[in-house]
Amino acid sequence: MPSAPLPDAAAFAALPSGEFAALAARTDPARAELVALRWRFRDPESEVSGRGAVRLSPPDSLRLDVRGPLGFGHGTLVMAGAETWADPEDVVRQVLPRRYLLWAMLGVVRAPEDVRRIDAAEAAGRRFVRVAAADSESAVFELRGDTLAGLVVMREERVVGRLTLTRDRGGAIAHAEAEDLERHARLTFDIQSRTPGVAFPPEVWRHP
């Protein structure tokens, strides 16, 4: 289902941080889950693709492991509570410059760092929540009920990024496509399988 147009700036009104936290919590994974996916990243200089795995553990832990063709090249990004690490750091930074975007590609609402203001508006039967950061960038989350439908990244009044989510008949995300309009880059996830109820050992979240 296509995204609705963004409401006019005047339609947004302040949203208390507690209400935003409750809204975001309703998009958290219901239980631990292992997600297998195919990924593709493209920018003007290169195009790479491969397989990946995401480990999700409520309420706030995520680990992404990706590999390129034939196992060549790899990257890991972990966000576990207040701890965040990546290996190798430069590769992960190139592919995922906005870490809240990775959560959103899996249907989870997370605020950018250094939140300055949160606003919300209603339009076309959907709710739009705009989270402004101190660097003049804003993430505008589009929700249908308690389900994340998409995301627009803005700098001042200009759209600089967009996330489109496609869900299967059961409501789970089947395809996520993130565009960085400034870098002319695109990252896509195609979900291959999901294994719920997995118990992950503590070392999964620790930096080696």
N, C-alpha and C. Protein backbone atom coordinates (compact mmCIF):
# COMPACT_ATOMS: atom_id res chain seq x y z
N MET A 1 0.85 -1.19 0.00
CA MET A 1 0.00 0.00 0.00
C MET A 1 0.89 1.24 0.00
N PRO A 2 0.71 2.18 -0.95
CA PRO A 2 1.59 3.33 -1.03
C PRO A 2 1.49 4.25 0.17
N SER A 3 2.58 4.97 0.44
CA SER A 3 2.58 5.91 1.54
C SER A 3 1.69 7.09 1.24
N ALA A 4 1.11 7.66 2.29
CA ALA A 4 0.28 8.85 2.14
C ALA A 4 1.18 10.08 2.07
N PRO A 5 0.72 11.15 1.40
CA PRO A 5 1.52 12.39 1.38
C PRO A 5 1.70 12.93 2.79
N LEU A 6 2.83 13.57 3.04
CA LEU A 6 3.08 14.16 4.35
C LEU A 6 2.11 15.33 4.59
N PRO A 7 1.61 15.46 5.81
CA PRO A 7 0.75 16.62 6.12
C PRO A 7 1.55 17.91 6.03
N ASP A 8 0.84 19.02 5.91
CA ASP A 8 1.49 20.33 5.96
C ASP A 8 2.12 20.53 7.33
N ALA A 9 3.17 21.34 7.36
CA ALA A 9 3.88 21.59 8.62
C ALA A 9 2.94 22.13 9.69
N ALA A 10 1.94 22.92 9.30
CA ALA A 10 1.03 23.53 10.27
C ALA A 10 0.14 22.50 10.94
N ALA A 11 0.03 21.30 10.37
CA ALA A 11 -0.85 20.28 10.93
C ALA A 11 -0.22 19.56 12.13
N PHE A 12 1.08 19.71 12.32
CA PHE A 12 1.77 19.02 13.41
C PHE A 12 1.63 19.78 14.72
N ALA A 13 1.41 19.03 15.79
CA ALA A 13 1.33 19.59 17.14
C ALA A 13 2.24 18.79 18.05
N ALA A 14 2.72 19.43 19.11
CA ALA A 14 3.67 18.79 20.01
C ALA A 14 3.12 17.49 20.59
N LEU A 15 3.98 16.47 20.64
CA LEU A 15 3.63 15.18 21.22
C LEU A 15 4.52 14.95 22.44
N PRO A 16 3.94 14.73 23.62
CA PRO A 16 4.76 14.50 24.82
C PRO A 16 5.67 13.29 24.64
N SER A 17 6.86 13.36 25.22
CA SER A 17 7.84 12.29 25.06
C SER A 17 7.32 10.96 25.60
N GLY A 18 6.51 11.01 26.67
CA GLY A 18 5.93 9.78 27.20
C GLY A 18 5.01 9.10 26.22
N GLU A 19 4.22 9.88 25.48
CA GLU A 19 3.33 9.31 24.47
C GLU A 19 4.13 8.70 23.33
N PHE A 20 5.23 9.37 22.95
CA PHE A 20 6.07 8.80 21.90
C PHE A 20 6.69 7.49 22.36
N ALA A 21 7.16 7.43 23.60
CA ALA A 21 7.77 6.21 24.13
C ALA A 21 6.76 5.05 24.12
N ALA A 22 5.51 5.35 24.48
CA ALA A 22 4.49 4.31 24.48
C ALA A 22 4.18 3.85 23.06
N LEU A 23 4.12 4.79 22.14
CA LEU A 23 3.88 4.46 20.73
C LEU A 23 5.00 3.59 20.19
N ALA A 24 6.25 3.97 20.46
CA ALA A 24 7.40 3.20 19.98
C ALA A 24 7.40 1.79 20.58
N ALA A 25 7.05 1.67 21.86
CA ALA A 25 7.05 0.37 22.53
C ALA A 25 6.06 -0.60 21.89
N ARG A 26 4.97 -0.06 21.33
CA ARG A 26 3.98 -0.93 20.70
C ARG A 26 4.48 -1.53 19.39
N THR A 27 5.58 -1.02 18.85
CA THR A 27 6.17 -1.59 17.64
C THR A 27 7.33 -2.54 17.96
N ASP A 28 7.68 -2.69 19.25
CA ASP A 28 8.77 -3.59 19.62
C ASP A 28 8.46 -5.03 19.22
N PRO A 29 9.49 -5.83 18.94
CA PRO A 29 9.25 -7.26 18.68
C PRO A 29 8.57 -7.90 19.88
N ALA A 30 7.64 -8.79 19.62
CA ALA A 30 6.90 -9.44 20.71
C ALA A 30 7.76 -10.46 21.44
N ARG A 31 8.77 -10.99 20.76
CA ARG A 31 9.63 -12.02 21.35
C ARG A 31 10.93 -12.07 20.56
N ALA A 32 11.90 -12.80 21.09
CA ALA A 32 13.17 -12.96 20.38
C ALA A 32 12.93 -13.66 19.05
N GLU A 33 13.73 -13.26 18.05
CA GLU A 33 13.49 -13.78 16.71
C GLU A 33 14.79 -13.74 15.91
N LEU A 34 15.01 -14.75 15.09
CA LEU A 34 16.11 -14.78 14.14
C LEU A 34 15.54 -14.59 12.74
N VAL A 35 16.00 -13.56 12.04
CA VAL A 35 15.47 -13.22 10.73
C VAL A 35 16.56 -13.42 9.69
N ALA A 36 16.31 -14.26 8.69
CA ALA A 36 17.24 -14.45 7.58
C ALA A 36 16.80 -13.58 6.42
N LEU A 37 17.77 -12.94 5.75
CA LEU A 37 17.42 -12.01 4.69
C LEU A 37 18.48 -12.00 3.58
N ARG A 38 18.07 -11.47 2.45
CA ARG A 38 18.99 -11.08 1.38
C ARG A 38 19.04 -9.56 1.37
N TRP A 39 20.23 -9.01 1.16
CA TRP A 39 20.39 -7.56 1.18
C TRP A 39 21.10 -7.11 -0.08
N ARG A 40 20.88 -5.85 -0.43
CA ARG A 40 21.57 -5.24 -1.58
C ARG A 40 21.81 -3.77 -1.26
N PHE A 41 23.03 -3.31 -1.50
CA PHE A 41 23.37 -1.90 -1.32
C PHE A 41 23.95 -1.37 -2.61
N ARG A 42 23.48 -0.18 -3.02
CA ARG A 42 23.95 0.42 -4.27
C ARG A 42 24.15 1.90 -4.07
N ASP A 43 25.28 2.41 -4.54
CA ASP A 43 25.52 3.85 -4.61
C ASP A 43 26.22 4.13 -5.93
N PRO A 44 26.59 5.39 -6.25
CA PRO A 44 27.19 5.66 -7.56
C PRO A 44 28.50 4.94 -7.82
N GLU A 45 29.21 4.51 -6.77
CA GLU A 45 30.51 3.88 -6.95
C GLU A 45 30.46 2.36 -7.00
N SER A 46 29.44 1.75 -6.41
CA SER A 46 29.46 0.29 -6.30
C SER A 46 28.06 -0.26 -6.10
N GLU A 47 27.97 -1.58 -6.25
CA GLU A 47 26.76 -2.32 -5.94
C GLU A 47 27.18 -3.66 -5.36
N VAL A 48 26.73 -3.95 -4.15
CA VAL A 48 27.08 -5.20 -3.48
C VAL A 48 25.82 -5.82 -2.91
N SER A 49 25.86 -7.14 -2.75
CA SER A 49 24.70 -7.84 -2.22
C SER A 49 25.17 -9.11 -1.53
N GLY A 50 24.27 -9.73 -0.80
CA GLY A 50 24.61 -10.96 -0.11
C GLY A 50 23.50 -11.40 0.81
N ARG A 51 23.88 -12.21 1.77
CA ARG A 51 22.93 -12.73 2.75
C ARG A 51 23.19 -12.10 4.11
N GLY A 52 22.20 -12.16 4.96
CA GLY A 52 22.37 -11.60 6.29
C GLY A 52 21.46 -12.27 7.29
N ALA A 53 21.70 -11.98 8.55
CA ALA A 53 20.86 -12.49 9.63
C ALA A 53 20.71 -11.40 10.67
N VAL A 54 19.51 -11.25 11.18
CA VAL A 54 19.22 -10.28 12.23
C VAL A 54 18.74 -11.05 13.45
N ARG A 55 19.36 -10.78 14.59
CA ARG A 55 18.88 -11.31 15.87
C ARG A 55 18.18 -10.18 16.60
N LEU A 56 16.93 -10.40 16.95
CA LEU A 56 16.14 -9.42 17.68
C LEU A 56 15.79 -9.97 19.05
N SER A 57 16.01 -9.16 20.08
CA SER A 57 15.66 -9.57 21.44
C SER A 57 15.01 -8.38 22.14
N PRO A 58 13.71 -8.47 22.46
CA PRO A 58 13.04 -7.36 23.13
C PRO A 58 13.67 -7.06 24.48
N PRO A 59 13.64 -5.79 24.93
CA PRO A 59 12.97 -4.70 24.20
C PRO A 59 13.88 -3.88 23.30
N ASP A 60 15.21 -4.04 23.41
CA ASP A 60 16.07 -3.05 22.75
C ASP A 60 17.37 -3.61 22.20
N SER A 61 17.42 -4.90 21.86
CA SER A 61 18.67 -5.49 21.38
C SER A 61 18.51 -6.02 19.96
N LEU A 62 19.47 -5.65 19.12
CA LEU A 62 19.47 -6.06 17.71
C LEU A 62 20.90 -6.33 17.29
N ARG A 63 21.10 -7.43 16.56
CA ARG A 63 22.40 -7.71 15.97
C ARG A 63 22.18 -8.06 14.50
N LEU A 64 22.89 -7.35 13.62
CA LEU A 64 22.86 -7.60 12.19
C LEU A 64 24.21 -8.13 11.75
N ASP A 65 24.23 -9.28 11.09
CA ASP A 65 25.43 -9.84 10.48
C ASP A 65 25.18 -9.99 8.99
N VAL A 66 26.07 -9.44 8.18
CA VAL A 66 25.92 -9.54 6.73
C VAL A 66 27.20 -10.09 6.11
N ARG A 67 27.02 -10.82 5.00
CA ARG A 67 28.14 -11.33 4.22
C ARG A 67 27.88 -11.07 2.75
N GLY A 68 28.98 -10.87 2.01
CA GLY A 68 28.87 -10.67 0.58
C GLY A 68 28.86 -11.99 -0.17
N PRO A 69 28.97 -11.94 -1.50
CA PRO A 69 28.92 -13.16 -2.31
C PRO A 69 30.02 -14.15 -1.93
N LEU A 70 29.65 -15.44 -1.88
CA LEU A 70 30.60 -16.52 -1.59
C LEU A 70 31.29 -16.33 -0.25
N GLY A 71 30.65 -15.62 0.66
CA GLY A 71 31.23 -15.42 1.98
C GLY A 71 32.30 -14.36 2.04
N PHE A 72 32.56 -13.66 0.93
CA PHE A 72 33.61 -12.65 0.92
C PHE A 72 33.08 -11.34 1.49
N GLY A 73 33.76 -10.82 2.49
CA GLY A 73 33.35 -9.57 3.11
C GLY A 73 32.26 -9.81 4.13
N HIS A 74 32.35 -9.13 5.25
CA HIS A 74 31.34 -9.30 6.28
C HIS A 74 31.25 -8.02 7.11
N GLY A 75 30.18 -7.89 7.83
CA GLY A 75 30.00 -6.75 8.73
C GLY A 75 29.03 -7.12 9.83
N THR A 76 29.22 -6.52 11.00
CA THR A 76 28.35 -6.76 12.15
C THR A 76 28.01 -5.43 12.79
N LEU A 77 26.76 -5.26 13.12
CA LEU A 77 26.32 -4.09 13.88
C LEU A 77 25.47 -4.58 15.04
N VAL A 78 25.80 -4.14 16.25
CA VAL A 78 25.06 -4.53 17.45
C VAL A 78 24.57 -3.28 18.16
N MET A 79 23.29 -3.27 18.49
CA MET A 79 22.69 -2.23 19.32
C MET A 79 21.96 -2.94 20.45
N ALA A 80 22.56 -2.94 21.63
CA ALA A 80 22.02 -3.66 22.78
C ALA A 80 21.95 -2.71 23.96
N GLY A 81 20.75 -2.19 24.21
CA GLY A 81 20.60 -1.20 25.26
C GLY A 81 21.43 0.03 24.94
N ALA A 82 22.26 0.45 25.88
CA ALA A 82 23.11 1.63 25.68
C ALA A 82 24.37 1.31 24.90
N GLU A 83 24.65 0.03 24.70
CA GLU A 83 25.89 -0.37 24.01
C GLU A 83 25.66 -0.50 22.52
N THR A 84 26.56 0.12 21.74
CA THR A 84 26.51 0.01 20.29
C THR A 84 27.92 -0.21 19.78
N TRP A 85 28.10 -1.20 18.90
CA TRP A 85 29.40 -1.40 18.29
C TRP A 85 29.23 -2.00 16.90
N ALA A 86 30.25 -1.82 16.08
CA ALA A 86 30.23 -2.31 14.71
C ALA A 86 31.61 -2.82 14.33
N ASP A 87 31.65 -3.81 13.46
CA ASP A 87 32.90 -4.38 13.00
C ASP A 87 32.73 -4.89 11.57
N PRO A 88 33.45 -4.32 10.58
CA PRO A 88 34.32 -3.15 10.71
C PRO A 88 33.51 -1.86 10.72
N GLU A 89 33.93 -0.91 11.52
CA GLU A 89 33.17 0.32 11.73
C GLU A 89 32.94 1.09 10.44
N ASP A 90 33.94 1.18 9.58
CA ASP A 90 33.80 2.02 8.38
C ASP A 90 32.80 1.43 7.39
N VAL A 91 32.77 0.10 7.26
CA VAL A 91 31.83 -0.52 6.34
C VAL A 91 30.39 -0.32 6.80
N VAL A 92 30.16 -0.52 8.08
CA VAL A 92 28.81 -0.36 8.62
C VAL A 92 28.37 1.09 8.50
N ARG A 93 29.28 2.03 8.75
CA ARG A 93 28.94 3.44 8.65
C ARG A 93 28.57 3.81 7.21
N GLN A 94 29.23 3.21 6.24
CA GLN A 94 28.93 3.49 4.84
C GLN A 94 27.53 3.03 4.46
N VAL A 95 27.19 1.83 4.90
CA VAL A 95 25.91 1.26 4.50
C VAL A 95 24.76 1.79 5.35
N LEU A 96 24.99 2.01 6.65
CA LEU A 96 23.94 2.42 7.57
C LEU A 96 24.32 3.69 8.32
N PRO A 97 24.26 4.83 7.67
CA PRO A 97 24.63 6.07 8.35
C PRO A 97 23.64 6.48 9.43
N ARG A 98 22.40 6.02 9.35
CA ARG A 98 21.37 6.37 10.34
C ARG A 98 20.91 5.08 11.00
N ARG A 99 21.29 4.88 12.25
CA ARG A 99 21.03 3.58 12.88
C ARG A 99 19.57 3.37 13.23
N TYR A 100 18.81 4.44 13.51
CA TYR A 100 17.38 4.27 13.75
C TYR A 100 16.68 3.75 12.50
N LEU A 101 17.32 3.97 11.33
CA LEU A 101 16.74 3.49 10.08
C LEU A 101 16.75 1.97 10.03
N LEU A 102 17.79 1.33 10.57
CA LEU A 102 17.83 -0.13 10.58
C LEU A 102 16.67 -0.69 11.40
N TRP A 103 16.41 -0.11 12.57
CA TRP A 103 15.25 -0.54 13.35
C TRP A 103 13.97 -0.40 12.52
N ALA A 104 13.84 0.73 11.83
CA ALA A 104 12.63 0.98 11.05
C ALA A 104 12.48 -0.02 9.90
N MET A 105 13.60 -0.47 9.31
CA MET A 105 13.52 -1.46 8.23
C MET A 105 12.96 -2.79 8.74
N LEU A 106 12.97 -2.97 10.05
CA LEU A 106 12.40 -4.18 10.66
C LEU A 106 11.07 -3.89 11.35
N GLY A 107 10.54 -2.67 11.12
CA GLY A 107 9.22 -2.32 11.62
C GLY A 107 9.18 -1.73 13.00
N VAL A 108 10.34 -1.36 13.55
CA VAL A 108 10.42 -0.88 14.92
C VAL A 108 10.71 0.62 14.93
N VAL A 109 9.97 1.39 15.70
CA VAL A 109 10.17 2.83 15.81
C VAL A 109 11.21 3.11 16.90
N ARG A 110 12.27 3.82 16.52
CA ARG A 110 13.29 4.28 17.45
C ARG A 110 13.62 5.72 17.10
N ALA A 111 13.84 6.55 18.09
CA ALA A 111 14.14 7.96 17.84
C ALA A 111 15.59 8.12 17.41
N PRO A 112 15.88 9.12 16.57
CA PRO A 112 17.28 9.49 16.31
C PRO A 112 17.95 9.96 17.60
N GLU A 113 19.26 10.08 17.56
CA GLU A 113 19.98 10.61 18.72
C GLU A 113 19.74 12.11 18.85
N ASP A 114 19.90 12.62 20.07
CA ASP A 114 19.82 14.05 20.34
C ASP A 114 18.48 14.65 19.91
N VAL A 115 17.40 14.07 20.42
CA VAL A 115 16.06 14.54 20.05
C VAL A 115 15.84 15.96 20.57
N ARG A 116 15.34 16.82 19.70
CA ARG A 116 15.06 18.21 20.06
C ARG A 116 13.57 18.45 20.24
N ARG A 117 12.72 17.79 19.43
CA ARG A 117 11.29 18.04 19.49
C ARG A 117 10.55 16.87 18.84
N ILE A 118 9.36 16.56 19.35
CA ILE A 118 8.52 15.52 18.78
C ILE A 118 7.14 16.11 18.51
N ASP A 119 6.64 15.92 17.29
CA ASP A 119 5.32 16.42 16.90
C ASP A 119 4.55 15.29 16.23
N ALA A 120 3.24 15.44 16.13
CA ALA A 120 2.41 14.44 15.47
C ALA A 120 1.29 15.11 14.71
N ALA A 121 0.80 14.42 13.67
CA ALA A 121 -0.33 14.91 12.87
C ALA A 121 -1.10 13.71 12.35
N GLU A 122 -2.37 13.94 12.02
CA GLU A 122 -3.23 12.90 11.44
C GLU A 122 -3.59 13.32 10.02
N ALA A 123 -3.53 12.35 9.09
CA ALA A 123 -3.91 12.64 7.70
C ALA A 123 -4.15 11.33 6.97
N ALA A 124 -5.17 11.31 6.12
CA ALA A 124 -5.48 10.16 5.28
C ALA A 124 -5.62 8.87 6.10
N GLY A 125 -6.17 8.98 7.31
CA GLY A 125 -6.37 7.81 8.15
C GLY A 125 -5.10 7.26 8.76
N ARG A 126 -4.02 8.03 8.73
CA ARG A 126 -2.74 7.58 9.28
C ARG A 126 -2.20 8.64 10.24
N ARG A 127 -1.26 8.20 11.05
CA ARG A 127 -0.63 9.11 12.00
C ARG A 127 0.82 9.32 11.58
N PHE A 128 1.24 10.56 11.61
CA PHE A 128 2.62 10.91 11.27
C PHE A 128 3.28 11.50 12.51
N VAL A 129 4.42 10.94 12.88
CA VAL A 129 5.16 11.40 14.05
C VAL A 129 6.51 11.90 13.59
N ARG A 130 6.77 13.18 13.82
CA ARG A 130 8.01 13.82 13.37
C ARG A 130 8.94 14.01 14.57
N VAL A 131 10.13 13.41 14.48
CA VAL A 131 11.12 13.51 15.55
C VAL A 131 12.29 14.33 15.03
N ALA A 132 12.46 15.53 15.57
CA ALA A 132 13.52 16.43 15.12
C ALA A 132 14.75 16.26 15.99
N ALA A 133 15.91 16.16 15.35
CA ALA A 133 17.18 16.01 16.06
C ALA A 133 17.93 17.34 16.05
N ALA A 134 18.98 17.41 16.86
CA ALA A 134 19.73 18.66 17.00
C ALA A 134 20.49 19.04 15.75
N ASP A 135 20.69 18.08 14.82
CA ASP A 135 21.46 18.38 13.60
C ASP A 135 20.58 18.89 12.46
N SER A 136 19.36 19.33 12.77
CA SER A 136 18.37 19.86 11.82
C SER A 136 17.75 18.77 10.95
N GLU A 137 18.01 17.50 11.26
CA GLU A 137 17.40 16.40 10.53
C GLU A 137 16.19 15.90 11.31
N SER A 138 15.15 15.52 10.59
CA SER A 138 13.94 14.99 11.21
C SER A 138 13.58 13.65 10.60
N ALA A 139 13.10 12.74 11.43
CA ALA A 139 12.55 11.47 10.97
C ALA A 139 11.04 11.54 11.12
N VAL A 140 10.31 11.35 10.04
CA VAL A 140 8.85 11.38 10.07
C VAL A 140 8.34 9.96 9.88
N PHE A 141 7.83 9.37 10.97
CA PHE A 141 7.32 8.00 10.94
C PHE A 141 5.85 8.02 10.54
N GLU A 142 5.49 7.15 9.61
CA GLU A 142 4.10 7.02 9.18
C GLU A 142 3.54 5.72 9.76
N LEU A 143 2.44 5.82 10.50
CA LEU A 143 1.86 4.65 11.16
C LEU A 143 0.41 4.44 10.77
N ARG A 144 0.04 3.17 10.60
CA ARG A 144 -1.37 2.78 10.48
C ARG A 144 -1.70 2.01 11.75
N GLY A 145 -2.44 2.62 12.64
CA GLY A 145 -2.66 2.03 13.95
C GLY A 145 -1.33 1.95 14.69
N ASP A 146 -0.97 0.75 15.13
CA ASP A 146 0.30 0.55 15.82
C ASP A 146 1.36 -0.04 14.90
N THR A 147 1.14 0.02 13.60
CA THR A 147 2.05 -0.59 12.63
C THR A 147 2.80 0.48 11.86
N LEU A 148 4.13 0.35 11.79
CA LEU A 148 4.93 1.29 11.00
C LEU A 148 4.72 1.02 9.52
N ALA A 149 4.30 2.06 8.79
CA ALA A 149 4.04 1.93 7.36
C ALA A 149 5.17 2.46 6.50
N GLY A 150 5.98 3.38 7.04
CA GLY A 150 7.07 3.97 6.26
C GLY A 150 7.73 5.07 7.05
N LEU A 151 8.71 5.69 6.42
CA LEU A 151 9.52 6.72 7.10
C LEU A 151 10.07 7.67 6.05
N VAL A 152 10.05 8.95 6.39
CA VAL A 152 10.67 9.98 5.54
C VAL A 152 11.70 10.71 6.39
N VAL A 153 12.88 10.92 5.84
CA VAL A 153 13.94 11.69 6.51
C VAL A 153 14.01 13.06 5.86
N MET A 154 13.96 14.11 6.70
CA MET A 154 13.97 15.47 6.17
C MET A 154 15.08 16.27 6.80
N ARG A 155 15.61 17.20 6.03
CA ARG A 155 16.53 18.21 6.56
C ARG A 155 15.90 19.55 6.28
N GLU A 156 15.47 20.21 7.36
CA GLU A 156 14.64 21.41 7.26
C GLU A 156 13.38 21.04 6.48
N GLU A 157 13.10 21.61 5.32
CA GLU A 157 11.88 21.29 4.59
C GLU A 157 12.13 20.38 3.40
N ARG A 158 13.33 19.82 3.32
CA ARG A 158 13.70 19.02 2.15
C ARG A 158 13.77 17.54 2.49
N VAL A 159 13.17 16.70 1.65
CA VAL A 159 13.23 15.24 1.84
C VAL A 159 14.59 14.75 1.39
N VAL A 160 15.32 14.07 2.29
CA VAL A 160 16.66 13.56 1.96
C VAL A 160 16.72 12.04 2.05
N GLY A 161 15.66 11.39 2.49
CA GLY A 161 15.65 9.94 2.56
C GLY A 161 14.23 9.42 2.69
N ARG A 162 14.07 8.15 2.33
CA ARG A 162 12.73 7.58 2.37
C ARG A 162 12.84 6.07 2.58
N LEU A 163 11.97 5.53 3.43
CA LEU A 163 11.89 4.09 3.65
C LEU A 163 10.50 3.60 3.25
N THR A 164 10.47 2.58 2.40
CA THR A 164 9.22 1.95 1.98
C THR A 164 9.20 0.52 2.50
N LEU A 165 8.11 0.14 3.14
CA LEU A 165 7.95 -1.21 3.69
C LEU A 165 6.83 -1.94 2.97
N THR A 166 7.08 -3.20 2.62
CA THR A 166 6.05 -4.06 2.04
C THR A 166 5.83 -5.23 2.99
N ARG A 167 4.58 -5.45 3.37
CA ARG A 167 4.26 -6.51 4.32
C ARG A 167 3.51 -7.65 3.62
N ASP A 168 3.66 -8.85 4.19
CA ASP A 168 2.96 -10.00 3.64
C ASP A 168 1.53 -10.04 4.18
N ARG A 169 0.78 -11.07 3.81
CA ARG A 169 -0.63 -11.14 4.20
C ARG A 169 -0.80 -11.24 5.71
N GLY A 170 0.21 -11.76 6.39
CA GLY A 170 0.14 -11.86 7.84
C GLY A 170 0.56 -10.60 8.56
N GLY A 171 0.98 -9.58 7.80
CA GLY A 171 1.38 -8.31 8.39
C GLY A 171 2.86 -8.19 8.69
N ALA A 172 3.64 -9.24 8.45
CA ALA A 172 5.09 -9.18 8.68
C ALA A 172 5.80 -8.52 7.50
N ILE A 173 6.89 -7.83 7.77
CA ILE A 173 7.63 -7.17 6.70
C ILE A 173 8.29 -8.21 5.80
N ALA A 174 8.05 -8.09 4.49
CA ALA A 174 8.65 -8.98 3.51
C ALA A 174 9.77 -8.29 2.74
N HIS A 175 9.65 -6.95 2.58
CA HIS A 175 10.63 -6.19 1.79
C HIS A 175 10.75 -4.80 2.39
N ALA A 176 11.98 -4.34 2.55
CA ALA A 176 12.23 -2.98 3.03
C ALA A 176 13.23 -2.32 2.09
N GLU A 177 12.93 -1.10 1.70
CA GLU A 177 13.79 -0.38 0.75
C GLU A 177 14.03 1.04 1.26
N ALA A 178 15.29 1.33 1.58
CA ALA A 178 15.68 2.64 2.12
C ALA A 178 16.50 3.38 1.08
N GLU A 179 16.08 4.61 0.77
CA GLU A 179 16.78 5.46 -0.19
C GLU A 179 17.43 6.63 0.54
N ASP A 180 18.69 6.87 0.24
CA ASP A 180 19.40 8.07 0.71
C ASP A 180 19.53 8.98 -0.51
N LEU A 181 18.69 10.01 -0.58
CA LEU A 181 18.62 10.85 -1.77
C LEU A 181 19.83 11.77 -1.89
N GLU A 182 20.51 12.05 -0.79
CA GLU A 182 21.71 12.89 -0.85
C GLU A 182 22.90 12.11 -1.39
N ARG A 183 23.03 10.86 -0.99
CA ARG A 183 24.15 10.04 -1.44
C ARG A 183 23.83 9.22 -2.68
N HIS A 184 22.58 9.32 -3.15
CA HIS A 184 22.12 8.51 -4.28
C HIS A 184 22.39 7.03 -4.01
N ALA A 185 22.01 6.61 -2.81
CA ALA A 185 22.26 5.24 -2.37
C ALA A 185 20.94 4.56 -2.00
N ARG A 186 20.94 3.23 -2.10
CA ARG A 186 19.74 2.47 -1.80
C ARG A 186 20.14 1.17 -1.09
N LEU A 187 19.47 0.85 0.00
CA LEU A 187 19.66 -0.39 0.73
C LEU A 187 18.34 -1.13 0.78
N THR A 188 18.34 -2.43 0.40
CA THR A 188 17.12 -3.21 0.43
C THR A 188 17.32 -4.49 1.23
N PHE A 189 16.27 -4.89 1.92
CA PHE A 189 16.21 -6.17 2.62
C PHE A 189 15.04 -6.96 2.03
N ASP A 190 15.28 -8.23 1.70
CA ASP A 190 14.21 -9.16 1.37
C ASP A 190 14.23 -10.26 2.42
N ILE A 191 13.17 -10.34 3.21
CA ILE A 191 13.11 -11.30 4.29
C ILE A 191 12.87 -12.70 3.73
N GLN A 192 13.75 -13.63 4.08
CA GLN A 192 13.65 -15.01 3.60
C GLN A 192 12.93 -15.92 4.58
N SER A 193 13.20 -15.76 5.87
CA SER A 193 12.56 -16.62 6.87
C SER A 193 12.66 -15.97 8.24
N ARG A 194 11.82 -16.45 9.15
CA ARG A 194 11.81 -15.96 10.53
C ARG A 194 11.73 -17.18 11.45
N THR A 195 12.57 -17.17 12.49
CA THR A 195 12.55 -18.23 13.50
C THR A 195 12.28 -17.58 14.84
N PRO A 196 11.04 -17.67 15.33
CA PRO A 196 10.71 -17.01 16.60
C PRO A 196 11.14 -17.83 17.81
N GLY A 197 11.23 -17.14 18.96
CA GLY A 197 11.47 -17.82 20.21
C GLY A 197 12.87 -18.33 20.42
N VAL A 198 13.85 -17.77 19.68
CA VAL A 198 15.23 -18.23 19.81
C VAL A 198 15.86 -17.61 21.06
N ALA A 199 16.61 -18.43 21.81
CA ALA A 199 17.33 -17.92 22.99
C ALA A 199 18.78 -17.65 22.58
N PHE A 200 19.19 -16.37 22.62
CA PHE A 200 20.53 -16.01 22.20
C PHE A 200 21.47 -15.97 23.40
N PRO A 201 22.68 -16.54 23.28
CA PRO A 201 23.63 -16.49 24.39
C PRO A 201 24.13 -15.07 24.62
N PRO A 202 24.56 -14.71 25.83
CA PRO A 202 25.00 -13.34 26.14
C PRO A 202 26.12 -12.85 25.26
N GLU A 203 27.02 -13.75 24.80
CA GLU A 203 28.17 -13.29 24.00
C GLU A 203 27.78 -12.74 22.63
N VAL A 204 26.55 -13.01 22.20
CA VAL A 204 26.06 -12.46 20.92
C VAL A 204 26.12 -10.94 20.94
N TRP A 205 25.91 -10.34 22.11
CA TRP A 205 25.81 -8.88 22.21
C TRP A 205 27.13 -8.22 22.61
N ARG A 206 28.14 -8.99 22.94
CA ARG A 206 29.40 -8.43 23.41
C ARG A 206 30.37 -8.18 22.28
N HIS A 207 31.13 -7.10 22.44
CA HIS A 207 32.18 -6.81 21.46
C HIS A 207 33.31 -7.82 21.63
N PRO A 208 33.75 -8.45 20.54
CA PRO A 208 34.81 -9.46 20.67
C PRO A 208 36.15 -8.85 21.09
